[in-house]
Every structure is written in structure tokens, then in C-alpha cells.
Protein backbone atom coordinates (compact mmCIF):
# COMPACT_ATOMS: atom_id res chain seq x y z
CA MET A 1 -77.06 18.57 -139.71
CA THR A 2 -74.73 21.39 -140.71
CA VAL A 3 -73.99 22.94 -144.07
CA GLN A 4 -70.66 24.64 -144.72
CA ARG A 5 -70.52 26.99 -147.68
CA ARG A 6 -67.32 27.50 -149.69
CA CYS A 7 -67.32 29.81 -152.66
CA THR A 8 -64.78 30.56 -155.41
CA ASP A 9 -65.01 32.27 -158.78
CA THR A 10 -65.75 28.95 -160.48
CA HIS A 11 -67.98 27.11 -158.04
CA LEU A 12 -69.97 27.05 -154.83
CA LEU A 13 -69.60 24.03 -152.57
CA LEU A 14 -72.20 23.12 -149.97
CA HIS A 15 -70.58 20.57 -147.64
CA VAL A 16 -73.33 18.74 -145.75
CA VAL A 17 -72.58 16.91 -142.50
CA GLY A 18 -74.94 14.70 -140.50
CA THR A 19 -78.48 13.47 -141.07
CA VAL A 20 -80.67 14.83 -143.87
CA ASP A 21 -84.28 14.06 -143.04
CA VAL A 22 -87.61 15.81 -142.78
CA LEU A 23 -86.49 17.65 -139.62
CA THR A 24 -83.19 18.99 -140.98
CA LEU A 25 -84.23 19.39 -144.60
CA PRO A 26 -85.27 23.08 -144.29
CA VAL A 27 -81.66 24.02 -143.50
CA LEU A 28 -80.35 22.38 -146.67
CA ASP A 29 -83.24 23.75 -148.68
CA ARG A 30 -82.42 27.33 -147.59
CA HIS A 31 -78.75 26.91 -148.55
CA ILE A 32 -79.64 25.52 -151.98
CA ALA A 33 -82.24 28.23 -152.61
CA LYS A 34 -79.78 30.97 -151.63
CA ALA A 35 -77.14 29.49 -153.94
CA LEU A 36 -79.49 29.26 -156.91
CA TRP A 37 -81.37 32.53 -156.55
CA SER A 38 -78.93 35.14 -155.26
CA ASP A 39 -76.02 34.91 -157.69
CA PRO A 40 -75.91 31.42 -159.22
CA PRO A 41 -72.38 30.03 -159.58
CA PRO A 42 -71.12 28.26 -162.71
CA ILE A 43 -71.05 25.03 -160.70
CA LEU A 44 -73.08 24.26 -157.58
CA MET A 45 -71.65 21.22 -155.81
CA ILE A 46 -73.46 19.54 -152.94
CA ASP A 47 -71.01 17.36 -151.02
CA LEU A 48 -72.82 14.52 -149.26
CA THR A 49 -69.73 12.48 -148.34
CA CYS A 50 -70.22 13.25 -144.63
CA VAL A 51 -73.95 12.53 -144.59
CA ASP A 52 -74.78 9.52 -142.41
CA PHE A 53 -78.45 9.30 -143.49
CA LEU A 54 -80.30 10.76 -146.48
CA SER A 55 -84.06 10.32 -146.39
CA SER A 56 -86.32 10.14 -149.42
CA ALA A 57 -87.27 13.76 -148.66
CA GLY A 58 -83.57 14.63 -148.94
CA MET A 59 -83.38 12.93 -152.31
CA GLN A 60 -86.46 14.83 -153.42
CA ILE A 61 -84.89 18.18 -152.52
CA LEU A 62 -81.89 17.29 -154.70
CA LEU A 63 -84.22 16.56 -157.63
CA GLU A 64 -86.03 19.85 -157.00
CA ALA A 65 -82.67 21.64 -156.92
CA HIS A 66 -81.93 20.17 -160.34
CA ASP A 67 -85.26 21.45 -161.66
CA LEU A 68 -84.57 24.93 -160.26
CA THR A 69 -80.97 25.17 -161.48
CA PRO A 70 -80.83 28.07 -163.94
CA ALA A 71 -79.19 27.95 -167.35
CA GLY A 72 -75.47 28.57 -167.01
CA THR A 73 -75.20 26.68 -163.72
CA ARG A 74 -74.27 23.02 -163.43
CA LEU A 75 -75.43 20.99 -160.43
CA ALA A 76 -73.09 18.24 -159.21
CA ILE A 77 -73.53 15.91 -156.25
CA ILE A 78 -70.50 14.47 -154.46
CA ALA A 79 -71.40 11.14 -152.88
CA THR A 80 -69.89 8.12 -151.18
CA PRO A 81 -69.92 4.88 -153.16
CA ARG A 82 -72.81 3.58 -151.05
CA LEU A 83 -74.92 6.66 -151.65
CA ALA A 84 -73.96 6.73 -155.33
CA ARG A 85 -75.25 3.14 -155.69
CA ILE A 86 -78.57 4.20 -154.17
CA PHE A 87 -78.78 7.17 -156.54
CA ASP A 88 -78.00 4.83 -159.43
CA ALA A 89 -80.61 2.26 -158.37
CA LEU A 90 -83.23 5.03 -158.22
CA SER A 91 -82.09 6.44 -161.61
CA ILE A 92 -81.20 9.75 -159.99
CA THR A 93 -77.85 9.53 -161.79
CA ASP A 94 -79.79 9.78 -165.07
CA ILE A 95 -80.93 13.24 -163.97
CA ILE A 96 -78.20 14.67 -161.73
CA GLU A 97 -74.43 14.38 -162.14
CA VAL A 98 -72.96 12.35 -159.26
CA TYR A 99 -69.20 12.22 -158.61
CA PRO A 100 -66.99 10.46 -156.05
CA THR A 101 -64.86 13.55 -155.30
CA ILE A 102 -64.92 17.30 -155.61
CA LEU A 103 -61.97 17.17 -158.00
CA ASP A 104 -63.88 14.76 -160.26
CA ALA A 105 -66.84 17.13 -160.32
CA LEU A 106 -64.62 20.06 -161.23
CA THR A 107 -62.66 18.28 -163.95
CA ARG A 108 -65.36 16.13 -165.57
CA GLY A 109 -67.96 18.78 -166.12
């Protein structure tokens, strides 16, 4: 798994590629922690559109990221339709904003 970081004045995008499971999770966790603790952006977007597998541990880290998101920062997940359906079935969409594209996340928030 790789995580590419793109930052602007208005948002920070973490673009995740590959498999998110118990073995690769520490990499994503470090990127999220750095984003939320160093200088939190107005919007933290985690783009999962290139993730081929997201384990339950990966879903848990997204919920933890939501819990750790400071006031003044909005967390948005970008997901494929398949992954968005899973998030919806697990009621994760009741807790975390999930969008089909980066543009949707930027304009709907």
C-alpha cells in the first residue's frame, strides 16, 4: 500500500493505493495522525478509490480518525460505489462523510 499526500490551502488529500489490512495499516495510521496533529487542514480527504481491499481494521482506523478530527477540520472519505455501499451497510456513512469524487467532497461540505 502507498499513500500520496497532496496539500493546498483548503485541504489535505491522502490518496491511498493498494491493500489496507492489518499489515499495511500502520502506514495509513501514521499519515492520518500526521495530518491531524501537526497542522490540521480545513478538510482532510482520504481517497480510497484505488484501494483494492479494505479490511475491518482499515474501517476501524477511519472511525478512529473521525473521533480524533479536531474542531475546525472536516473529514471526508472518497470511495468507489462498491466501497460506499459497504460503508452504508455498516452505517459508517452516518458517522463519516463519504463522497464519490474529490470534487464532490470539496463542493458539498
